[in-house]
Amino acid sequence: MFPDATSFSDDPHLILFPTTLTSLSLSEFQNLESLASLSLQTLTSLEELRIYSCPKLRSILPREGLLPDTLSQLLIRWCPHRKQRYSKEEGDDWPKIAHIPHVEINN
Protein backbone atom coordinates (compact mmCIF):
# COMPACT_ATOMS: atom_id res chain seq x y z
CA MET A 1 0.00 0.00 0.00
CA PHE A 2 2.91 2.37 0.81
CA PRO A 3 5.87 0.75 -0.98
CA ASP A 4 8.17 3.77 -0.72
CA ALA A 5 7.47 4.73 2.91
CA THR A 6 10.65 5.21 4.95
CA SER A 7 8.88 6.24 8.17
CA PHE A 8 5.48 7.21 9.43
CA SER A 9 4.38 10.80 9.71
CA ASP A 10 5.98 12.98 12.37
CA ASP A 11 2.57 14.53 12.95
CA PRO A 12 1.00 12.44 15.75
CA HIS A 13 -2.48 13.52 14.63
CA LEU A 14 -2.16 11.86 11.23
CA ILE A 15 -1.71 8.29 12.47
CA LEU A 16 -3.84 7.52 15.47
CA PHE A 17 -4.25 4.02 16.80
CA PRO A 18 -6.90 3.37 19.44
CA THR A 19 -5.40 2.98 22.90
CA THR A 20 -7.38 -0.26 23.20
CA LEU A 21 -5.37 -1.87 20.39
CA THR A 22 -3.92 -5.15 21.68
CA SER A 23 -2.02 -6.41 18.64
CA LEU A 24 -0.14 -4.63 15.87
CA SER A 25 1.54 -6.26 12.87
CA LEU A 26 3.63 -4.41 10.32
CA SER A 27 4.98 -6.24 7.31
CA GLU A 28 6.40 -5.86 3.84
CA PHE A 29 7.56 -2.25 4.19
CA GLN A 30 10.61 -2.60 1.96
CA ASN A 31 11.95 0.93 2.60
CA LEU A 32 10.77 1.52 6.17
CA GLU A 33 13.66 2.74 8.33
CA SER A 34 11.98 3.86 11.56
CA LEU A 35 8.93 3.41 13.77
CA ALA A 36 10.00 6.23 16.08
CA SER A 37 7.14 8.55 15.11
CA LEU A 38 4.36 6.02 15.76
CA SER A 39 4.14 6.87 19.48
CA LEU A 40 3.82 3.21 20.41
CA GLN A 41 4.14 4.04 24.10
CA THR A 42 0.64 5.59 23.96
CA LEU A 43 -0.86 2.20 23.11
CA THR A 44 -1.54 1.30 26.72
CA SER A 45 -3.27 -2.00 25.88
CA LEU A 46 -0.74 -3.26 23.33
CA GLU A 47 0.26 -6.85 24.09
CA GLU A 48 1.77 -8.03 20.80
CA LEU A 49 3.98 -6.23 18.32
CA ARG A 50 5.01 -8.11 15.19
CA ILE A 51 7.29 -6.72 12.53
CA TYR A 52 8.04 -8.79 9.44
CA SER A 53 10.02 -8.26 6.25
CA CYS A 54 11.19 -4.69 6.74
CA PRO A 55 14.78 -5.06 5.52
CA LYS A 56 15.82 -1.43 6.05
CA LEU A 57 14.26 -0.99 9.49
CA ARG A 58 16.78 0.49 11.93
CA SER A 59 14.68 1.84 14.79
CA ILE A 60 11.62 0.28 16.42
CA LEU A 61 11.69 2.34 19.59
CA PRO A 62 9.64 5.50 19.92
CA ARG A 63 11.44 8.80 20.51
CA GLU A 64 10.94 8.33 24.23
CA GLY A 65 12.84 5.05 23.95
CA LEU A 66 10.16 2.94 25.60
CA LEU A 67 7.62 0.42 24.43
CA PRO A 68 4.38 -0.03 26.40
CA ASP A 69 4.64 -1.88 29.72
CA THR A 70 1.72 -4.03 28.59
CA LEU A 71 3.75 -5.54 25.75
CA SER A 72 4.19 -9.26 26.37
CA GLN A 73 5.36 -10.34 22.93
CA LEU A 74 7.76 -8.74 20.45
CA LEU A 75 8.44 -10.62 17.23
CA ILE A 76 10.80 -9.25 14.62
CA ARG A 77 11.52 -11.39 11.58
CA TRP A 78 13.42 -10.74 8.39
CA CYS A 79 14.63 -7.33 9.51
CA PRO A 80 18.43 -7.89 9.42
CA HIS A 81 19.51 -4.63 11.07
CA ARG A 82 17.55 -5.40 14.25
CA LYS A 83 19.15 -8.67 15.30
CA GLN A 84 22.43 -7.10 16.42
CA ARG A 85 20.94 -4.08 18.26
CA TYR A 86 18.33 -6.08 20.15
CA SER A 87 20.15 -9.36 20.77
CA LYS A 88 19.77 -10.65 24.30
CA GLU A 89 22.28 -9.20 26.77
CA GLU A 90 24.66 -8.06 24.00
CA GLY A 91 22.70 -5.60 21.87
CA ASP A 92 22.88 -1.89 22.59
CA ASP A 93 19.09 -1.66 22.81
CA TRP A 94 18.47 -4.92 24.74
CA PRO A 95 17.93 -3.07 28.07
CA LYS A 96 15.05 -1.15 26.44
CA ILE A 97 13.16 -4.35 25.58
CA ALA A 98 14.37 -6.70 28.35
CA HIS A 99 11.09 -6.20 30.28
CA ILE A 100 9.11 -7.94 27.51
CA PRO A 101 8.49 -11.58 28.49
CA HIS A 102 8.67 -13.05 24.98
CA VAL A 103 11.16 -11.52 22.51
CA GLU A 104 11.97 -13.27 19.28
CA ILE A 105 14.27 -11.67 16.74
CA ASN A 106 15.58 -13.56 13.75
CA ASN A 107 16.39 -13.27 10.08
PDB file of N, CA and C in Angstrom:
ATOM      1  N   MET A   1       0.816  -1.193   0.000  1.00  0.00           N
ATOM      2  CA  MET A   1       0.000   0.000   0.000  1.00  0.00           C
ATOM      3  C   MET A   1       0.861   1.259   0.000  1.00  0.00           C
ATOM      4  N   PHE A   2       1.983   1.243   0.754  1.00  0.00           N
ATOM      5  CA  PHE A   2       2.908   2.367   0.810  1.00  0.00           C
ATOM      6  C   PHE A   2       4.319   1.858   0.528  1.00  0.00           C
ATOM      7  N   PRO A   3       4.593   1.428  -0.696  1.00  0.00           N
ATOM      8  CA  PRO A   3       5.866   0.752  -0.978  1.00  0.00           C
ATOM      9  C   PRO A   3       7.111   1.607  -0.774  1.00  0.00           C
ATOM     10  N   ASP A   4       6.993   2.912  -0.842  1.00  0.00           N
ATOM     11  CA  ASP A   4       8.168   3.774  -0.717  1.00  0.00           C
ATOM     12  C   ASP A   4       8.307   4.421   0.656  1.00  0.00           C
ATOM     13  N   ALA A   5       7.430   4.106   1.582  1.00  0.00           N
ATOM     14  CA  ALA A   5       7.471   4.726   2.912  1.00  0.00           C
ATOM     15  C   ALA A   5       8.772   4.389   3.629  1.00  0.00           C
ATOM     16  N   THR A   6       9.431   5.416   4.167  1.00  0.00           N
ATOM     17  CA  THR A   6      10.646   5.207   4.954  1.00  0.00           C
ATOM     18  C   THR A   6      10.371   5.374   6.439  1.00  0.00           C
ATOM     19  N   SER A   7       9.296   6.071   6.775  1.00  0.00           N
ATOM     20  CA  SER A   7       8.876   6.238   8.166  1.00  0.00           C
ATOM     21  C   SER A   7       7.409   6.648   8.153  1.00  0.00           C
ATOM     22  N   PHE A   8       6.837   6.721   9.324  1.00  0.00           N
ATOM     23  CA  PHE A   8       5.476   7.205   9.428  1.00  0.00           C
ATOM     24  C   PHE A   8       5.525   8.690   9.718  1.00  0.00           C
ATOM     25  N   SER A   9       4.428   9.358   9.555  1.00  0.00           N
ATOM     26  CA  SER A   9       4.377  10.800   9.714  1.00  0.00           C
ATOM     27  C   SER A   9       4.881  11.247  11.079  1.00  0.00           C
ATOM     28  N   ASP A  10       5.556  12.390  11.098  1.00  0.00           N
ATOM     29  CA  ASP A  10       5.981  12.981  12.365  1.00  0.00           C
ATOM     30  C   ASP A  10       4.840  13.708  13.063  1.00  0.00           C
ATOM     31  N   ASP A  11       3.729  13.880  12.368  1.00  0.00           N
ATOM     32  CA  ASP A  11       2.566  14.533  12.947  1.00  0.00           C
ATOM     33  C   ASP A  11       1.726  13.475  13.663  1.00  0.00           C
ATOM     34  N   PRO A  12       1.713  13.481  15.005  1.00  0.00           N
ATOM     35  CA  PRO A  12       0.998  12.444  15.748  1.00  0.00           C
ATOM     36  C   PRO A  12      -0.503  12.421  15.493  1.00  0.00           C
ATOM     37  N   HIS A  13      -1.050  13.473  14.898  1.00  0.00           N
ATOM     38  CA  HIS A  13      -2.480  13.524  14.631  1.00  0.00           C
ATOM     39  C   HIS A  13      -2.856  12.814  13.332  1.00  0.00           C
ATOM     40  N   LEU A  14      -1.868  12.505  12.501  1.00  0.00           N
ATOM     41  CA  LEU A  14      -2.158  11.855  11.228  1.00  0.00           C
ATOM     42  C   LEU A  14      -2.314  10.345  11.362  1.00  0.00           C
ATOM     43  N   ILE A  15      -1.589   9.730  12.263  1.00  0.00           N
ATOM     44  CA  ILE A  15      -1.708   8.294  12.470  1.00  0.00           C
ATOM     45  C   ILE A  15      -2.100   8.075  13.928  1.00  0.00           C
ATOM     46  N   LEU A  16      -3.346   7.751  14.122  1.00  0.00           N
ATOM     47  CA  LEU A  16      -3.837   7.516  15.473  1.00  0.00           C
ATOM     48  C   LEU A  16      -4.343   6.087  15.578  1.00  0.00           C
ATOM     49  N   PHE A  17      -3.760   5.354  16.497  1.00  0.00           N
ATOM     50  CA  PHE A  17      -4.249   4.021  16.800  1.00  0.00           C
ATOM     51  C   PHE A  17      -5.076   4.128  18.068  1.00  0.00           C
ATOM     52  N   PRO A  18      -6.127   3.338  18.187  1.00  0.00           N
ATOM     53  CA  PRO A  18      -6.896   3.371  19.440  1.00  0.00           C
ATOM     54  C   PRO A  18      -6.049   2.832  20.588  1.00  0.00           C
ATOM     55  N   THR A  19      -6.176   3.422  21.741  1.00  0.00           N
ATOM     56  CA  THR A  19      -5.400   2.984  22.899  1.00  0.00           C
ATOM     57  C   THR A  19      -5.791   1.580  23.337  1.00  0.00           C
ATOM     58  N   THR A  20      -6.928   1.084  22.867  1.00  0.00           N
ATOM     59  CA  THR A  20      -7.383  -0.263  23.200  1.00  0.00           C
ATOM     60  C   THR A  20      -6.796  -1.333  22.273  1.00  0.00           C
ATOM     61  N   LEU A  21      -5.993  -0.928  21.321  1.00  0.00           N
ATOM     62  CA  LEU A  21      -5.371  -1.869  20.386  1.00  0.00           C
ATOM     63  C   LEU A  21      -4.492  -2.849  21.161  1.00  0.00           C
ATOM     64  N   THR A  22      -4.691  -4.148  20.953  1.00  0.00           N
ATOM     65  CA  THR A  22      -3.922  -5.151  21.681  1.00  0.00           C
ATOM     66  C   THR A  22      -2.850  -5.820  20.835  1.00  0.00           C
ATOM     67  N   SER A  23      -2.989  -5.759  19.515  1.00  0.00           N
ATOM     68  CA  SER A  23      -2.021  -6.409  18.642  1.00  0.00           C
ATOM     69  C   SER A  23      -1.773  -5.534  17.420  1.00  0.00           C
ATOM     70  N   LEU A  24      -0.510  -5.434  17.034  1.00  0.00           N
ATOM     71  CA  LEU A  24      -0.144  -4.633  15.866  1.00  0.00           C
ATOM     72  C   LEU A  24       0.889  -5.408  15.061  1.00  0.00           C
ATOM     73  N   SER A  25       0.609  -5.584  13.773  1.00  0.00           N
ATOM     74  CA  SER A  25       1.536  -6.256  12.869  1.00  0.00           C
ATOM     75  C   SER A  25       1.870  -5.324  11.715  1.00  0.00           C
ATOM     76  N   LEU A  26       3.147  -5.202  11.445  1.00  0.00           N
ATOM     77  CA  LEU A  26       3.628  -4.412  10.319  1.00  0.00           C
ATOM     78  C   LEU A  26       4.469  -5.328   9.453  1.00  0.00           C
ATOM     79  N   SER A  27       4.196  -5.360   8.169  1.00  0.00           N
ATOM     80  CA  SER A  27       4.982  -6.243   7.313  1.00  0.00           C
ATOM     81  C   SER A  27       5.099  -5.700   5.897  1.00  0.00           C
ATOM     82  N   GLU A  28       6.159  -6.154   5.247  1.00  0.00           N
ATOM     83  CA  GLU A  28       6.403  -5.858   3.838  1.00  0.00           C
ATOM     84  C   GLU A  28       6.607  -4.373   3.531  1.00  0.00           C
ATOM     85  N   PHE A  29       7.169  -3.631   4.452  1.00  0.00           N
ATOM     86  CA  PHE A  29       7.564  -2.245   4.190  1.00  0.00           C
ATOM     87  C   PHE A  29       9.025  -2.287   3.764  1.00  0.00           C
ATOM     88  N   GLN A  30       9.272  -2.382   2.488  1.00  0.00           N
ATOM     89  CA  GLN A  30      10.613  -2.603   1.964  1.00  0.00           C
ATOM     90  C   GLN A  30      11.575  -1.447   2.213  1.00  0.00           C
ATOM     91  N   ASN A  31      11.075  -0.235   2.391  1.00  0.00           N
ATOM     92  CA  ASN A  31      11.947   0.928   2.605  1.00  0.00           C
ATOM     93  C   ASN A  31      11.811   1.553   3.983  1.00  0.00           C
ATOM     94  N   LEU A  32      11.007   0.965   4.837  1.00  0.00           N
ATOM     95  CA  LEU A  32      10.775   1.517   6.173  1.00  0.00           C
ATOM     96  C   LEU A  32      12.056   1.482   7.005  1.00  0.00           C
ATOM     97  N   GLU A  33      12.437   2.624   7.551  1.00  0.00           N
ATOM     98  CA  GLU A  33      13.659   2.744   8.335  1.00  0.00           C
ATOM     99  C   GLU A  33      13.398   2.957   9.821  1.00  0.00           C
ATOM    100  N   SER A  34      12.216   3.494  10.167  1.00  0.00           N
ATOM    101  CA  SER A  34      11.978   3.860  11.560  1.00  0.00           C
ATOM    102  C   SER A  34      10.504   3.770  11.940  1.00  0.00           C
ATOM    103  N   LEU A  35      10.276   3.375  13.189  1.00  0.00           N
ATOM    104  CA  LEU A  35       8.934   3.407  13.770  1.00  0.00           C
ATOM    105  C   LEU A  35       8.848   4.471  14.864  1.00  0.00           C
ATOM    106  N   ALA A  36       9.887   5.265  14.988  1.00  0.00           N
ATOM    107  CA  ALA A  36       9.997   6.232  16.084  1.00  0.00           C
ATOM    108  C   ALA A  36       8.813   7.184  16.180  1.00  0.00           C
ATOM    109  N   SER A  37       8.220   7.560  15.067  1.00  0.00           N
ATOM    110  CA  SER A  37       7.141   8.549  15.106  1.00  0.00           C
ATOM    111  C   SER A  37       5.757   7.945  15.344  1.00  0.00           C
ATOM    112  N   LEU A  38       5.667   6.642  15.540  1.00  0.00           N
ATOM    113  CA  LEU A  38       4.359   6.016  15.761  1.00  0.00           C
ATOM    114  C   LEU A  38       3.805   6.207  17.170  1.00  0.00           C
ATOM    115  N   SER A  39       4.589   6.670  18.099  1.00  0.00           N
ATOM    116  CA  SER A  39       4.144   6.871  19.481  1.00  0.00           C
ATOM    117  C   SER A  39       3.557   5.593  20.067  1.00  0.00           C
ATOM    118  N   LEU A  40       4.296   4.503  19.916  1.00  0.00           N
ATOM    119  CA  LEU A  40       3.822   3.209  20.408  1.00  0.00           C
ATOM    120  C   LEU A  40       3.588   3.199  21.914  1.00  0.00           C
ATOM    121  N   GLN A  41       4.298   4.027  22.648  1.00  0.00           N
ATOM    122  CA  GLN A  41       4.143   4.044  24.099  1.00  0.00           C
ATOM    123  C   GLN A  41       2.756   4.507  24.516  1.00  0.00           C
ATOM    124  N   THR A  42       1.997   5.153  23.631  1.00  0.00           N
ATOM    125  CA  THR A  42       0.636   5.591  23.962  1.00  0.00           C
ATOM    126  C   THR A  42      -0.380   4.469  23.829  1.00  0.00           C
ATOM    127  N   LEU A  43       0.047   3.334  23.271  1.00  0.00           N
ATOM    128  CA  LEU A  43      -0.856   2.197  23.112  1.00  0.00           C
ATOM    129  C   LEU A  43      -0.840   1.388  24.406  1.00  0.00           C
ATOM    130  N   THR A  44      -1.601   1.824  25.362  1.00  0.00           N
ATOM    131  CA  THR A  44      -1.539   1.299  26.724  1.00  0.00           C
ATOM    132  C   THR A  44      -2.154  -0.091  26.891  1.00  0.00           C
ATOM    133  N   SER A  45      -2.731  -0.636  25.828  1.00  0.00           N
ATOM    134  CA  SER A  45      -3.270  -1.999  25.875  1.00  0.00           C
ATOM    135  C   SER A  45      -2.503  -2.951  24.961  1.00  0.00           C
ATOM    136  N   LEU A  46      -1.475  -2.450  24.302  1.00  0.00           N
ATOM    137  CA  LEU A  46      -0.745  -3.259  23.328  1.00  0.00           C
ATOM    138  C   LEU A  46      -0.040  -4.425  24.006  1.00  0.00           C
ATOM    139  N   GLU A  47      -0.345  -5.641  23.548  1.00  0.00           N
ATOM    140  CA  GLU A  47       0.259  -6.853  24.092  1.00  0.00           C
ATOM    141  C   GLU A  47       1.225  -7.511  23.116  1.00  0.00           C
ATOM    142  N   GLU A  48       0.944  -7.395  21.817  1.00  0.00           N
ATOM    143  CA  GLU A  48       1.775  -8.034  20.801  1.00  0.00           C
ATOM    144  C   GLU A  48       2.182  -7.043  19.724  1.00  0.00           C
ATOM    145  N   LEU A  49       3.460  -7.039  19.421  1.00  0.00           N
ATOM    146  CA  LEU A  49       3.980  -6.232  18.321  1.00  0.00           C
ATOM    147  C   LEU A  49       4.771  -7.157  17.423  1.00  0.00           C
ATOM    148  N   ARG A  50       4.350  -7.242  16.165  1.00  0.00           N
ATOM    149  CA  ARG A  50       5.006  -8.108  15.189  1.00  0.00           C
ATOM    150  C   ARG A  50       5.468  -7.266  14.014  1.00  0.00           C
ATOM    151  N   ILE A  51       6.712  -7.457  13.648  1.00  0.00           N
ATOM    152  CA  ILE A  51       7.290  -6.721  12.527  1.00  0.00           C
ATOM    153  C   ILE A  51       7.968  -7.739  11.625  1.00  0.00           C
ATOM    154  N   TYR A  52       7.528  -7.804  10.383  1.00  0.00           N
ATOM    155  CA  TYR A  52       8.044  -8.794   9.441  1.00  0.00           C
ATOM    156  C   TYR A  52       8.486  -8.136   8.135  1.00  0.00           C
ATOM    157  N   SER A  53       9.559  -8.616   7.592  1.00  0.00           N
ATOM    158  CA  SER A  53      10.022  -8.255   6.252  1.00  0.00           C
ATOM    159  C   SER A  53      10.128  -6.747   6.031  1.00  0.00           C
ATOM    160  N   CYS A  54      10.880  -6.109   6.887  1.00  0.00           N
ATOM    161  CA  CYS A  54      11.188  -4.689   6.742  1.00  0.00           C
ATOM    162  C   CYS A  54      12.718  -4.592   6.716  1.00  0.00           C
ATOM    163  N   PRO A  55      13.328  -4.892   5.582  1.00  0.00           N
ATOM    164  CA  PRO A  55      14.784  -5.056   5.516  1.00  0.00           C
ATOM    165  C   PRO A  55      15.617  -3.826   5.854  1.00  0.00           C
ATOM    166  N   LYS A  56      15.054  -2.645   5.759  1.00  0.00           N
ATOM    167  CA  LYS A  56      15.823  -1.428   6.046  1.00  0.00           C
ATOM    168  C   LYS A  56      15.523  -0.843   7.423  1.00  0.00           C
ATOM    169  N   LEU A  57      14.662  -1.494   8.180  1.00  0.00           N
ATOM    170  CA  LEU A  57      14.260  -0.988   9.488  1.00  0.00           C
ATOM    171  C   LEU A  57      15.448  -0.902  10.442  1.00  0.00           C
ATOM    172  N   ARG A  58      15.670   0.273  10.995  1.00  0.00           N
ATOM    173  CA  ARG A  58      16.779   0.486  11.925  1.00  0.00           C
ATOM    174  C   ARG A  58      16.295   0.779  13.332  1.00  0.00           C
ATOM    175  N   SER A  59      15.160   1.449  13.465  1.00  0.00           N
ATOM    176  CA  SER A  59      14.678   1.836  14.787  1.00  0.00           C
ATOM    177  C   SER A  59      13.237   1.395  14.995  1.00  0.00           C
ATOM    178  N   ILE A  60      12.998   0.639  16.074  1.00  0.00           N
ATOM    179  CA  ILE A  60      11.621   0.284  16.424  1.00  0.00           C
ATOM    180  C   ILE A  60      11.142   1.057  17.636  1.00  0.00           C
ATOM    181  N   LEU A  61      12.062   1.647  18.359  1.00  0.00           N
ATOM    182  CA  LEU A  61      11.690   2.339  19.588  1.00  0.00           C
ATOM    183  C   LEU A  61      11.157   3.737  19.312  1.00  0.00           C
ATOM    184  N   PRO A  62      10.136   4.138  20.046  1.00  0.00           N
ATOM    185  CA  PRO A  62       9.637   5.503  19.917  1.00  0.00           C
ATOM    186  C   PRO A  62      10.686   6.500  20.406  1.00  0.00           C
ATOM    187  N   ARG A  63      10.481   7.747  20.109  1.00  0.00           N
ATOM    188  CA  ARG A  63      11.444   8.796  20.510  1.00  0.00           C
ATOM    189  C   ARG A  63      11.755   8.737  22.000  1.00  0.00           C
ATOM    190  N   GLU A  64      10.746   8.387  22.788  1.00  0.00           N
ATOM    191  CA  GLU A  64      10.935   8.328  24.235  1.00  0.00           C
ATOM    192  C   GLU A  64      11.762   7.107  24.643  1.00  0.00           C
ATOM    193  N   GLY A  65      11.992   6.198  23.692  1.00  0.00           N
ATOM    194  CA  GLY A  65      12.838   5.048  23.949  1.00  0.00           C
ATOM    195  C   GLY A  65      12.165   3.902  24.679  1.00  0.00           C
ATOM    196  N   LEU A  66      10.859   3.975  24.855  1.00  0.00           N
ATOM    197  CA  LEU A  66      10.163   2.935  25.601  1.00  0.00           C
ATOM    198  C   LEU A  66       9.009   2.351  24.796  1.00  0.00           C
ATOM    199  N   LEU A  67       8.802   1.069  24.972  1.00  0.00           N
ATOM    200  CA  LEU A  67       7.619   0.416  24.430  1.00  0.00           C
ATOM    201  C   LEU A  67       6.639   0.257  25.580  1.00  0.00           C
ATOM    202  N   PRO A  68       5.362   0.066  25.312  1.00  0.00           N
ATOM    203  CA  PRO A  68       4.378  -0.027  26.401  1.00  0.00           C
ATOM    204  C   PRO A  68       4.709  -1.129  27.397  1.00  0.00           C
ATOM    205  N   ASP A  69       4.429  -0.882  28.666  1.00  0.00           N
ATOM    206  CA  ASP A  69       4.641  -1.878  29.723  1.00  0.00           C
ATOM    207  C   ASP A  69       3.752  -3.100  29.525  1.00  0.00           C
ATOM    208  N   THR A  70       2.659  -2.940  28.811  1.00  0.00           N
ATOM    209  CA  THR A  70       1.719  -4.029  28.590  1.00  0.00           C
ATOM    210  C   THR A  70       2.206  -5.029  27.542  1.00  0.00           C
ATOM    211  N   LEU A  71       3.250  -4.683  26.821  1.00  0.00           N
ATOM    212  CA  LEU A  71       3.748  -5.541  25.746  1.00  0.00           C
ATOM    213  C   LEU A  71       4.305  -6.839  26.317  1.00  0.00           C
ATOM    214  N   SER A  72       3.726  -7.962  25.891  1.00  0.00           N
ATOM    215  CA  SER A  72       4.190  -9.265  26.372  1.00  0.00           C
ATOM    216  C   SER A  72       4.878 -10.067  25.274  1.00  0.00           C
ATOM    217  N   GLN A  73       4.757  -9.607  24.030  1.00  0.00           N
ATOM    218  CA  GLN A  73       5.361 -10.337  22.926  1.00  0.00           C
ATOM    219  C   GLN A  73       5.862  -9.374  21.863  1.00  0.00           C
ATOM    220  N   LEU A  74       7.144  -9.528  21.522  1.00  0.00           N
ATOM    221  CA  LEU A  74       7.757  -8.742  20.454  1.00  0.00           C
ATOM    222  C   LEU A  74       8.399  -9.721  19.479  1.00  0.00           C
ATOM    223  N   LEU A  75       7.898  -9.742  18.262  1.00  0.00           N
ATOM    224  CA  LEU A  75       8.438 -10.618  17.229  1.00  0.00           C
ATOM    225  C   LEU A  75       8.956  -9.768  16.079  1.00  0.00           C
ATOM    226  N   ILE A  76      10.205  -9.960  15.744  1.00  0.00           N
ATOM    227  CA  ILE A  76      10.802  -9.247  14.618  1.00  0.00           C
ATOM    228  C   ILE A  76      11.456 -10.295  13.732  1.00  0.00           C
ATOM    229  N   ARG A  77      10.988 -10.389  12.507  1.00  0.00           N
ATOM    230  CA  ARG A  77      11.523 -11.390  11.584  1.00  0.00           C
ATOM    231  C   ARG A  77      11.859 -10.744  10.246  1.00  0.00           C
ATOM    232  N   TRP A  78      12.946 -11.182   9.700  1.00  0.00           N
ATOM    233  CA  TRP A  78      13.420 -10.740   8.391  1.00  0.00           C
ATOM    234  C   TRP A  78      13.647  -9.226   8.344  1.00  0.00           C
ATOM    235  N   CYS A  79      14.219  -8.723   9.407  1.00  0.00           N
ATOM    236  CA  CYS A  79      14.629  -7.325   9.510  1.00  0.00           C
ATOM    237  C   CYS A  79      16.101  -7.360   9.960  1.00  0.00           C
ATOM    238  N   PRO A  80      17.043  -7.568   9.064  1.00  0.00           N
ATOM    239  CA  PRO A  80      18.428  -7.893   9.421  1.00  0.00           C
ATOM    240  C   PRO A  80      19.140  -6.889  10.323  1.00  0.00           C
ATOM    241  N   HIS A  81      18.814  -5.635  10.260  1.00  0.00           N
ATOM    242  CA  HIS A  81      19.507  -4.631  11.074  1.00  0.00           C
ATOM    243  C   HIS A  81      19.135  -4.718  12.551  1.00  0.00           C
ATOM    244  N   ARG A  82      18.040  -5.356  12.875  1.00  0.00           N
ATOM    245  CA  ARG A  82      17.549  -5.401  14.251  1.00  0.00           C
ATOM    246  C   ARG A  82      18.211  -6.474  15.097  1.00  0.00           C
ATOM    247  N   LYS A  83      18.632  -7.541  14.519  1.00  0.00           N
ATOM    248  CA  LYS A  83      19.154  -8.671  15.301  1.00  0.00           C
ATOM    249  C   LYS A  83      20.322  -8.247  16.190  1.00  0.00           C
ATOM    250  N   GLN A  84      21.252  -7.492  15.653  1.00  0.00           N
ATOM    251  CA  GLN A  84      22.428  -7.097  16.423  1.00  0.00           C
ATOM    252  C   GLN A  84      22.072  -6.111  17.537  1.00  0.00           C
ATOM    253  N   ARG A  85      21.255  -5.102  17.255  1.00  0.00           N
ATOM    254  CA  ARG A  85      20.939  -4.075  18.255  1.00  0.00           C
ATOM    255  C   ARG A  85      20.096  -4.603  19.408  1.00  0.00           C
ATOM    256  N   TYR A  86      19.254  -5.596  19.139  1.00  0.00           N
ATOM    257  CA  TYR A  86      18.332  -6.077  20.153  1.00  0.00           C
ATOM    258  C   TYR A  86      18.649  -7.485  20.648  1.00  0.00           C
ATOM    259  N   SER A  87      19.824  -8.003  20.326  1.00  0.00           N
ATOM    260  CA  SER A  87      20.153  -9.361  20.768  1.00  0.00           C
ATOM    261  C   SER A  87      20.284  -9.391  22.291  1.00  0.00           C
ATOM    262  N   LYS A  88      19.847 -10.508  22.845  1.00  0.00           N
ATOM    263  CA  LYS A  88      19.771 -10.645  24.300  1.00  0.00           C
ATOM    264  C   LYS A  88      21.125 -10.432  24.961  1.00  0.00           C
ATOM    265  N   GLU A  89      21.145  -9.520  25.908  1.00  0.00           N
ATOM    266  CA  GLU A  89      22.280  -9.201  26.767  1.00  0.00           C
ATOM    267  C   GLU A  89      23.477  -8.581  26.049  1.00  0.00           C
ATOM    268  N   GLU A  90      23.518  -8.611  24.730  1.00  0.00           N
ATOM    269  CA  GLU A  90      24.664  -8.058  24.002  1.00  0.00           C
ATOM    270  C   GLU A  90      24.316  -6.821  23.185  1.00  0.00           C
ATOM    271  N   GLY A  91      23.086  -6.714  22.728  1.00  0.00           N
ATOM    272  CA  GLY A  91      22.695  -5.604  21.874  1.00  0.00           C
ATOM    273  C   GLY A  91      22.601  -4.293  22.632  1.00  0.00           C
ATOM    274  N   ASP A  92      22.932  -3.216  21.969  1.00  0.00           N
ATOM    275  CA  ASP A  92      22.880  -1.892  22.592  1.00  0.00           C
ATOM    276  C   ASP A  92      21.493  -1.537  23.113  1.00  0.00           C
ATOM    277  N   ASP A  93      20.451  -2.005  22.416  1.00  0.00           N
ATOM    278  CA  ASP A  93      19.089  -1.661  22.814  1.00  0.00           C
ATOM    279  C   ASP A  93      18.388  -2.764  23.607  1.00  0.00           C
ATOM    280  N   TRP A  94      19.097  -3.839  23.958  1.00  0.00           N
ATOM    281  CA  TRP A  94      18.474  -4.918  24.736  1.00  0.00           C
ATOM    282  C   TRP A  94      17.864  -4.403  26.044  1.00  0.00           C
ATOM    283  N   PRO A  95      18.530  -3.535  26.805  1.00  0.00           N
ATOM    284  CA  PRO A  95      17.931  -3.066  28.068  1.00  0.00           C
ATOM    285  C   PRO A  95      16.570  -2.387  27.877  1.00  0.00           C
ATOM    286  N   LYS A  96      16.315  -1.846  26.699  1.00  0.00           N
ATOM    287  CA  LYS A  96      15.054  -1.149  26.442  1.00  0.00           C
ATOM    288  C   LYS A  96      13.905  -2.113  26.153  1.00  0.00           C
ATOM    289  N   ILE A  97      14.219  -3.379  25.855  1.00  0.00           N
ATOM    290  CA  ILE A  97      13.161  -4.349  25.583  1.00  0.00           C
ATOM    291  C   ILE A  97      13.213  -5.547  26.538  1.00  0.00           C
ATOM    292  N   ALA A  98      14.164  -5.562  27.451  1.00  0.00           N
ATOM    293  CA  ALA A  98      14.366  -6.703  28.352  1.00  0.00           C
ATOM    294  C   ALA A  98      13.143  -6.994  29.232  1.00  0.00           C
ATOM    295  N   HIS A  99      12.282  -6.011  29.452  1.00  0.00           N
ATOM    296  CA  HIS A  99      11.090  -6.203  30.283  1.00  0.00           C
ATOM    297  C   HIS A  99       9.993  -7.002  29.582  1.00  0.00           C
ATOM    298  N   ILE A 100      10.126  -7.219  28.283  1.00  0.00           N
ATOM    299  CA  ILE A 100       9.107  -7.935  27.506  1.00  0.00           C
ATOM    300  C   ILE A 100       9.317  -9.443  27.696  1.00  0.00           C
ATOM    301  N   PRO A 101       8.306 -10.163  28.181  1.00  0.00           N
ATOM    302  CA  PRO A 101       8.490 -11.584  28.491  1.00  0.00           C
ATOM    303  C   PRO A 101       8.903 -12.462  27.308  1.00  0.00           C
ATOM    304  N   HIS A 102       8.343 -12.214  26.135  1.00  0.00           N
ATOM    305  CA  HIS A 102       8.672 -13.048  24.981  1.00  0.00           C
ATOM    306  C   HIS A 102       9.213 -12.162  23.851  1.00  0.00           C
ATOM    307  N   VAL A 103      10.504 -12.273  23.599  1.00  0.00           N
ATOM    308  CA  VAL A 103      11.155 -11.521  22.514  1.00  0.00           C
ATOM    309  C   VAL A 103      11.758 -12.527  21.566  1.00  0.00           C
ATOM    310  N   GLU A 104      11.423 -12.393  20.293  1.00  0.00           N
ATOM    311  CA  GLU A 104      11.968 -13.274  19.277  1.00  0.00           C
ATOM    312  C   GLU A 104      12.415 -12.422  18.098  1.00  0.00           C
ATOM    313  N   ILE A 105      13.710 -12.457  17.831  1.00  0.00           N
ATOM    314  CA  ILE A 105      14.266 -11.673  16.740  1.00  0.00           C
ATOM    315  C   ILE A 105      15.130 -12.610  15.898  1.00  0.00           C
ATOM    316  N   ASN A 106      14.774 -12.728  14.633  1.00  0.00           N
ATOM    317  CA  ASN A 106      15.577 -13.558  13.747  1.00  0.00           C
ATOM    318  C   ASN A 106      15.516 -13.061  12.318  1.00  0.00           C
ATOM    319  N   ASN A 107      16.345 -13.663  11.494  1.00  0.00           N
ATOM    320  CA  ASN A 107      16.386 -13.270  10.082  1.00  0.00           C
ATOM    321  C   ASN A 107      15.844 -14.352   9.233  1.00  0.00           C
TER     322      ASN A 107
END
